[in-house]
Amino acid sequence: MNADRQESKRAVVFLHGILGPDAVRSWWPGFRYFRGLDTRLKVPGVSFHYPLVPSAASIASRAGVLQVFIDQLRAEDIHLIAHSMGGLDARDLISNRDPACRIRSLTTVGTPHQGAELVHWVENTRGLVQSFARHFLYPGILELTPHACAQFNRDTPDRADVCYRSWAGCRPVTELPLLYRSQSRVLQGQAGDNDSQVSVASASWGAFRGVIRADHLEQAGWNLGLPKKSIRRPFDHIGFYQSLVAEALSPEADLAVV
């Protein structure tokens, strides 16, 4: 961490989901979870950070790694923007591992706050996606069941001095890459509209900001479907995260929370 980044009074920290860079960089050294953000997000007086946590570890383990990282920042105000499981890591971090109360806000995108119904589908059915998940995402994925998340929510109360915001993603099944259509149909039957991995209902926490037209991977800047203007694919993730950063840093942001 260079001196300029370390001395910034405000910091924005992006938190990745369950399949993080540590699991991908062995065969793709230049991989960045949030595609292109590190070169496009620039705000004077604000430092941007993209810490790594163990991909398939428990929420507590991942949050513990984040605590070590956060403790090294000298910023007075810290804002977290998290995708998928990263949002649960962030809530643990805020509630249990920020004694100086420097974290001011959390914005989650596609986070399964109420659990991911598809975990049971992964455990009990066969297929390419299920095999991949069982091989690369255990044991962490077991903490994402609705039952496990219900217990997590009871044990992890929100902090009154932190602004919590959330976004969900959704695409109709016909707009999804073929690889995700089967699981999206299963999830649609279980929990309604979804982004192929997380339902809109599960992604809501704190001040719910709305639904973006993006599948789960698109939310981090990765697109497995063919580009098509009529359905706004690929999703403009750069513009989206620029808006999230602007809202988090705005002095009036807290006034908009209900």
Protein backbone atom coordinates (compact mmCIF):
# COMPACT_ATOMS: atom_id res chain seq x y z
CA MET A 1 0.00 0.00 0.00
CA ASN A 2 1.66 3.28 -1.08
CA ALA A 3 1.81 6.40 1.08
CA ASP A 4 -0.80 8.40 -0.86
CA ARG A 5 -3.37 5.65 -0.56
CA GLN A 6 -2.55 5.06 3.08
CA GLU A 7 -2.89 8.75 4.07
CA SER A 8 -6.28 9.38 2.40
CA LYS A 9 -8.89 10.45 4.92
CA ARG A 10 -11.64 8.52 3.13
CA ALA A 11 -11.45 5.01 1.76
CA VAL A 12 -13.76 2.87 -0.36
CA VAL A 13 -13.19 -0.87 0.03
CA PHE A 14 -14.62 -3.37 -2.46
CA LEU A 15 -15.34 -6.85 -1.12
CA HIS A 16 -15.56 -9.85 -3.44
CA GLY A 17 -17.85 -12.87 -3.35
CA ILE A 18 -17.31 -16.53 -2.67
CA LEU A 19 -15.22 -17.37 -5.74
CA GLY A 20 -12.50 -14.79 -5.26
CA PRO A 21 -9.21 -13.99 -7.00
CA ASP A 22 -7.20 -16.33 -4.79
CA ALA A 23 -8.93 -19.30 -6.45
CA VAL A 24 -8.52 -17.96 -9.99
CA ARG A 25 -5.07 -16.37 -10.09
CA SER A 26 -3.24 -19.69 -10.12
CA TRP A 27 -4.25 -20.05 -13.77
CA TRP A 28 -5.06 -16.40 -14.56
CA PRO A 29 -2.48 -14.22 -12.72
CA GLY A 30 -3.95 -10.89 -13.85
CA PHE A 31 -7.52 -11.67 -12.80
CA ARG A 32 -9.44 -8.90 -11.03
CA TYR A 33 -12.79 -9.80 -9.46
CA PHE A 34 -14.28 -6.36 -10.11
CA ARG A 35 -13.38 -6.08 -13.76
CA GLY A 36 -11.75 -2.79 -14.68
CA LEU A 37 -12.70 -0.87 -11.56
CA ASP A 38 -9.15 -0.38 -10.33
CA THR A 39 -8.30 1.71 -13.41
CA ARG A 40 -11.59 3.61 -13.75
CA LEU A 41 -12.53 4.72 -10.26
CA LYS A 42 -10.74 7.90 -9.24
CA VAL A 43 -11.90 10.45 -6.66
CA PRO A 44 -9.55 13.11 -5.22
CA GLY A 45 -8.79 12.50 -1.57
CA VAL A 46 -10.28 9.00 -1.64
CA SER A 47 -8.35 5.73 -1.74
CA PHE A 48 -9.78 2.58 -3.32
CA HIS A 49 -8.96 -0.92 -2.12
CA TYR A 50 -9.68 -4.47 -3.24
CA PRO A 51 -8.60 -6.87 -0.48
CA LEU A 52 -8.54 -10.62 -1.00
CA VAL A 53 -10.08 -13.17 1.35
CA PRO A 54 -10.09 -16.99 1.12
CA SER A 55 -12.67 -17.91 -1.51
CA ALA A 56 -14.53 -20.74 0.16
CA ALA A 57 -13.83 -20.05 3.83
CA SER A 58 -16.44 -19.29 6.47
CA ILE A 59 -17.90 -15.81 6.87
CA ALA A 60 -16.07 -15.39 10.18
CA SER A 61 -12.74 -16.41 8.66
CA ARG A 62 -13.17 -14.06 5.72
CA ALA A 63 -14.22 -11.21 8.00
CA GLY A 64 -11.18 -11.85 10.17
CA VAL A 65 -8.89 -11.38 7.17
CA LEU A 66 -10.74 -8.16 6.30
CA GLN A 67 -10.26 -6.89 9.84
CA VAL A 68 -6.49 -7.18 9.49
CA PHE A 69 -6.67 -5.26 6.22
CA ILE A 70 -8.97 -2.54 7.58
CA ASP A 71 -6.79 -2.07 10.65
CA GLN A 72 -3.91 -1.06 8.35
CA LEU A 73 -5.88 1.76 6.77
CA ARG A 74 -5.44 5.22 8.26
CA ALA A 75 -8.64 6.55 6.75
CA GLU A 76 -11.05 8.24 9.14
CA ASP A 77 -14.11 7.24 7.10
CA ILE A 78 -14.41 3.83 5.43
CA HIS A 79 -17.16 2.85 3.01
CA LEU A 80 -17.70 -0.77 1.97
CA ILE A 81 -19.15 -1.90 -1.36
CA ALA A 82 -19.66 -5.65 -1.48
CA HIS A 83 -20.79 -8.22 -4.02
CA SER A 84 -22.51 -11.51 -3.17
CA MET A 85 -21.08 -13.27 -0.09
CA GLY A 86 -18.84 -10.24 0.44
CA GLY A 87 -21.86 -8.45 1.86
CA LEU A 88 -22.16 -11.00 4.66
CA ASP A 89 -18.44 -10.73 5.37
CA ALA A 90 -18.94 -6.96 5.60
CA ARG A 91 -21.81 -7.22 8.06
CA ASP A 92 -19.72 -9.47 10.33
CA LEU A 93 -16.83 -7.01 10.02
CA ILE A 94 -19.03 -4.03 10.91
CA SER A 95 -20.79 -5.66 13.85
CA ASN A 96 -17.87 -7.50 15.42
CA ARG A 97 -14.52 -6.24 14.14
CA ASP A 98 -14.58 -2.44 13.85
CA PRO A 99 -14.01 -1.24 17.44
CA ALA A 100 -13.02 2.29 16.33
CA CYS A 101 -16.30 2.58 14.36
CA ARG A 102 -14.60 3.96 11.26
CA ILE A 103 -16.89 2.13 8.81
CA ARG A 104 -19.63 4.56 7.79
CA SER A 105 -21.61 2.69 5.15
CA LEU A 106 -22.16 -0.63 3.45
CA THR A 107 -23.64 -1.09 -0.01
CA THR A 108 -24.33 -4.67 -1.07
CA VAL A 109 -25.01 -5.96 -4.58
CA GLY A 110 -26.53 -9.40 -5.12
CA THR A 111 -25.85 -10.48 -1.53
CA PRO A 112 -27.93 -13.44 -0.23
CA HIS A 113 -28.90 -11.78 3.06
CA GLN A 114 -31.82 -14.18 3.48
CA GLY A 115 -29.87 -17.14 2.10
CA ALA A 116 -29.31 -18.76 -1.28
CA GLU A 117 -32.00 -21.35 -1.97
CA LEU A 118 -29.83 -22.89 -4.68
CA VAL A 119 -27.42 -24.39 -2.14
CA HIS A 120 -29.77 -27.33 -1.62
CA TRP A 121 -30.02 -27.75 -5.40
CA VAL A 122 -26.22 -27.85 -5.58
CA GLU A 123 -26.04 -30.49 -2.87
CA ASN A 124 -28.79 -32.77 -4.16
CA THR A 125 -28.62 -32.69 -7.98
CA ARG A 126 -26.06 -33.40 -10.66
CA GLY A 127 -24.74 -31.14 -13.39
CA LEU A 128 -21.79 -29.01 -14.49
CA VAL A 129 -22.66 -26.05 -12.26
CA GLN A 130 -23.36 -28.25 -9.24
CA SER A 131 -20.09 -30.16 -9.68
CA PHE A 132 -18.13 -26.92 -9.97
CA ALA A 133 -19.74 -25.54 -6.82
CA ARG A 134 -19.11 -28.70 -4.81
CA HIS A 135 -15.48 -28.74 -5.89
CA PHE A 136 -14.57 -25.06 -5.45
CA LEU A 137 -17.07 -23.47 -3.05
CA TYR A 138 -17.12 -25.77 -0.03
CA PRO A 139 -17.33 -25.33 2.91
CA GLY A 140 -18.20 -21.63 2.64
CA ILE A 141 -21.27 -22.21 0.50
CA LEU A 142 -22.91 -24.15 3.35
CA GLU A 143 -23.13 -20.88 5.30
CA LEU A 144 -25.38 -19.46 2.58
CA THR A 145 -28.41 -21.69 3.11
CA PRO A 146 -31.58 -19.86 4.21
CA HIS A 147 -31.36 -21.55 7.62
CA ALA A 148 -27.71 -20.56 8.12
CA CYS A 149 -28.36 -16.97 7.03
CA ALA A 150 -31.37 -16.69 9.33
CA GLN A 151 -29.09 -17.59 12.25
CA PHE A 152 -26.41 -15.20 10.96
CA ASN A 153 -28.98 -12.39 10.84
CA ARG A 154 -30.01 -13.07 14.44
CA ASP A 155 -26.39 -13.08 15.59
CA THR A 156 -25.25 -10.07 13.55
CA PRO A 157 -27.35 -6.99 14.31
CA ASP A 158 -26.89 -3.85 12.25
CA ARG A 159 -24.99 -0.98 13.80
CA ALA A 160 -27.06 2.16 14.29
CA ASP A 161 -24.27 4.48 13.11
CA VAL A 162 -23.75 2.70 9.78
CA CYS A 163 -25.80 3.31 6.65
CA TYR A 164 -26.86 0.02 5.04
CA ARG A 165 -27.96 -0.02 1.38
CA SER A 166 -28.65 -2.89 -0.99
CA TRP A 167 -29.21 -3.66 -4.66
CA ALA A 168 -30.52 -6.78 -6.39
CA GLY A 169 -29.97 -8.03 -9.91
CA CYS A 170 -32.43 -9.73 -12.22
CA ARG A 171 -32.68 -10.96 -15.78
CA PRO A 172 -35.48 -13.06 -17.30
CA VAL A 173 -34.42 -16.64 -17.92
CA THR A 174 -34.42 -16.05 -21.69
CA GLU A 175 -31.76 -13.32 -21.28
CA LEU A 176 -29.38 -15.49 -19.26
CA PRO A 177 -26.43 -17.47 -20.63
CA LEU A 178 -27.45 -21.07 -21.35
CA LEU A 179 -25.25 -22.30 -18.50
CA TYR A 180 -27.48 -20.54 -15.96
CA ARG A 181 -30.98 -21.06 -17.31
CA SER A 182 -31.75 -24.33 -15.56
CA GLN A 183 -30.72 -23.08 -12.12
CA SER A 184 -32.51 -19.78 -12.65
CA ARG A 185 -35.76 -21.64 -13.38
CA VAL A 186 -35.29 -23.65 -10.18
CA LEU A 187 -34.67 -20.47 -8.21
CA GLN A 188 -37.63 -18.73 -9.85
CA GLY A 189 -39.89 -21.50 -8.59
CA GLN A 190 -38.44 -21.32 -5.10
CA ALA A 191 -38.03 -17.60 -4.51
CA GLY A 192 -39.15 -15.57 -7.53
CA ASP A 193 -37.15 -13.12 -9.65
CA ASN A 194 -33.38 -13.63 -9.48
CA ASP A 195 -29.99 -12.94 -11.06
CA SER A 196 -29.31 -16.68 -11.65
CA GLN A 197 -27.85 -17.18 -8.17
CA VAL A 198 -29.54 -14.85 -5.69
CA SER A 199 -33.21 -13.90 -5.55
CA VAL A 200 -34.32 -10.28 -5.47
CA ALA A 201 -36.06 -10.93 -2.15
CA SER A 202 -32.90 -12.31 -0.56
CA ALA A 203 -30.73 -9.42 -1.76
CA SER A 204 -32.72 -6.77 0.11
CA TRP A 205 -31.15 -5.36 3.28
CA GLY A 206 -31.32 -1.95 4.90
CA ALA A 207 -32.36 0.75 2.43
CA PHE A 208 -33.23 -1.23 -0.70
CA ARG A 209 -32.18 0.86 -3.71
CA GLY A 210 -33.66 -1.21 -6.49
CA VAL A 211 -33.09 -3.90 -9.12
CA ILE A 212 -30.50 -3.68 -11.89
CA ARG A 213 -30.79 -5.57 -15.17
CA ALA A 214 -27.77 -7.80 -14.67
CA ASP A 215 -27.06 -11.42 -13.87
CA HIS A 216 -24.81 -12.35 -10.97
CA LEU A 217 -21.53 -12.31 -12.90
CA GLU A 218 -22.41 -9.14 -14.80
CA GLN A 219 -22.63 -7.34 -11.47
CA ALA A 220 -18.85 -7.73 -11.15
CA GLY A 221 -18.22 -6.92 -14.82
CA TRP A 222 -18.09 -10.42 -16.34
CA ASN A 223 -20.38 -11.42 -19.17
CA LEU A 224 -21.02 -14.99 -20.39
CA GLY A 225 -23.84 -13.96 -22.74
CA LEU A 226 -23.71 -12.43 -26.20
CA PRO A 227 -23.82 -8.62 -26.35
CA LYS A 228 -27.27 -7.30 -27.27
CA LYS A 229 -28.33 -3.66 -27.06
CA SER A 230 -32.06 -4.38 -26.79
CA ILE A 231 -31.58 -6.11 -23.44
CA ARG A 232 -28.72 -3.84 -22.34
CA ARG A 233 -26.11 -6.57 -22.30
CA PRO A 234 -23.41 -6.19 -21.24
CA PHE A 235 -24.43 -4.35 -18.10
CA ASP A 236 -22.59 -1.05 -17.53
CA HIS A 237 -20.96 -2.07 -14.28
CA ILE A 238 -18.43 0.78 -14.36
CA GLY A 239 -21.14 3.43 -14.43
CA PHE A 240 -23.10 1.56 -11.78
CA TYR A 241 -20.22 1.41 -9.31
CA GLN A 242 -19.31 5.02 -10.01
CA SER A 243 -22.83 5.93 -8.89
CA LEU A 244 -22.53 3.75 -5.77
CA VAL A 245 -19.27 5.43 -4.82
CA ALA A 246 -20.78 8.88 -5.36
CA GLU A 247 -23.76 8.02 -3.16
CA ALA A 248 -21.60 6.55 -0.40
CA LEU A 249 -19.36 9.62 -0.31
CA SER A 250 -22.16 12.19 -0.54
CA PRO A 251 -22.68 14.27 2.63
CA GLU A 252 -26.42 14.02 2.01
CA ALA A 253 -26.42 10.22 1.59
CA ASP A 254 -27.59 9.47 5.12
CA LEU A 255 -30.57 11.80 4.74
CA ALA A 256 -31.95 9.60 1.94
CA VAL A 257 -32.08 6.48 4.09
CA VAL A 258 -35.48 5.50 5.46
